[in-house]
Amino acid sequence: MPAVPAFVLKLILGEMAVIVLEGVKVSAEKTKGIPFNFKYPELKGALENLLR
């Protein structure tokens, strides 16, 4: 991704720019309580698939 100044992202994305610039903190424990099946629940499986 090319380097884009923060003010440009804020102009384009508005409040959503915070997600791109600062990230989102998510607890692994909180994700266990939602009804969602991860394709790769473990990092090892995801990396193996990626590097094939």
C-alpha atoms as a PDB file:
ATOM      1  CA  MET A   1       0.000   0.000   0.000  1.00  0.00           C
ATOM      2  CA  PRO A   2       1.449   3.388  -0.900  1.00  0.00           C
ATOM      3  CA  ALA A   3       2.232   5.882   1.830  1.00  0.00           C
ATOM      4  CA  VAL A   4      -0.691   8.270   2.151  1.00  0.00           C
ATOM      5  CA  PRO A   5      -0.637  11.251   4.523  1.00  0.00           C
ATOM      6  CA  ALA A   6      -3.024  10.967   7.455  1.00  0.00           C
ATOM      7  CA  PHE A   7      -4.915  14.125   6.509  1.00  0.00           C
ATOM      8  CA  VAL A   8      -5.691  12.656   3.062  1.00  0.00           C
ATOM      9  CA  LEU A   9      -7.088   9.504   4.625  1.00  0.00           C
ATOM     10  CA  LYS A  10      -9.165  11.626   6.995  1.00  0.00           C
ATOM     11  CA  LEU A  11     -10.552  13.601   4.063  1.00  0.00           C
ATOM     12  CA  ILE A  12     -11.421  10.457   2.109  1.00  0.00           C
ATOM     13  CA  LEU A  13     -12.552   8.136   4.913  1.00  0.00           C
ATOM     14  CA  GLY A  14     -13.741  10.569   7.550  1.00  0.00           C
ATOM     15  CA  GLU A  15     -14.108   8.910  10.953  1.00  0.00           C
ATOM     16  CA  MET A  16     -13.233   5.512   9.457  1.00  0.00           C
ATOM     17  CA  ALA A  17      -9.656   6.733   8.986  1.00  0.00           C
ATOM     18  CA  VAL A  18      -9.086   6.046  12.691  1.00  0.00           C
ATOM     19  CA  ILE A  19      -9.334   2.311  11.960  1.00  0.00           C
ATOM     20  CA  VAL A  20      -6.668   2.538   9.268  1.00  0.00           C
ATOM     21  CA  LEU A  21      -4.394   4.892  11.198  1.00  0.00           C
ATOM     22  CA  GLU A  22      -4.710   3.497  14.707  1.00  0.00           C
ATOM     23  CA  GLY A  23      -6.050  -0.027  14.252  1.00  0.00           C
ATOM     24  CA  VAL A  24      -8.636  -1.848  16.301  1.00  0.00           C
ATOM     25  CA  LYS A  25      -8.023  -3.753  19.499  1.00  0.00           C
ATOM     26  CA  VAL A  26      -9.875  -7.059  19.586  1.00  0.00           C
ATOM     27  CA  SER A  27      -9.656  -9.619  22.329  1.00  0.00           C
ATOM     28  CA  ALA A  28      -9.357 -13.244  21.243  1.00  0.00           C
ATOM     29  CA  GLU A  29     -11.624 -14.183  24.130  1.00  0.00           C
ATOM     30  CA  LYS A  30     -14.370 -11.910  22.823  1.00  0.00           C
ATOM     31  CA  THR A  31     -14.252 -13.487  19.365  1.00  0.00           C
ATOM     32  CA  LYS A  32     -14.852 -16.946  20.815  1.00  0.00           C
ATOM     33  CA  GLY A  33     -18.357 -15.935  21.880  1.00  0.00           C
ATOM     34  CA  ILE A  34     -19.575 -14.999  18.412  1.00  0.00           C
ATOM     35  CA  PRO A  35     -21.129 -17.563  16.051  1.00  0.00           C
ATOM     36  CA  PHE A  36     -18.428 -17.486  13.372  1.00  0.00           C
ATOM     37  CA  ASN A  37     -16.301 -20.334  12.041  1.00  0.00           C
ATOM     38  CA  PHE A  38     -12.820 -19.274  11.030  1.00  0.00           C
ATOM     39  CA  LYS A  39     -11.422 -20.958   7.949  1.00  0.00           C
ATOM     40  CA  TYR A  40      -8.051 -21.106   9.720  1.00  0.00           C
ATOM     41  CA  PRO A  41      -8.570 -20.959  13.479  1.00  0.00           C
ATOM     42  CA  GLU A  42      -4.831 -21.372  14.064  1.00  0.00           C
ATOM     43  CA  LEU A  43      -2.048 -19.247  12.574  1.00  0.00           C
ATOM     44  CA  LYS A  44      -0.046 -22.286  11.476  1.00  0.00           C
ATOM     45  CA  GLY A  45      -2.793 -23.508   9.129  1.00  0.00           C
ATOM     46  CA  ALA A  46      -3.264 -20.047   7.635  1.00  0.00           C
ATOM     47  CA  LEU A  47       0.459 -19.646   6.979  1.00  0.00           C
ATOM     48  CA  GLU A  48       0.729 -23.112   5.454  1.00  0.00           C
ATOM     49  CA  ASN A  49      -2.095 -22.272   3.066  1.00  0.00           C
ATOM     50  CA  LEU A  50      -0.559 -18.902   2.239  1.00  0.00           C
ATOM     51  CA  LEU A  51       2.888 -20.321   1.526  1.00  0.00           C
ATOM     52  CA  ARG A  52       1.749 -23.232  -0.657  1.00  0.00           C
END
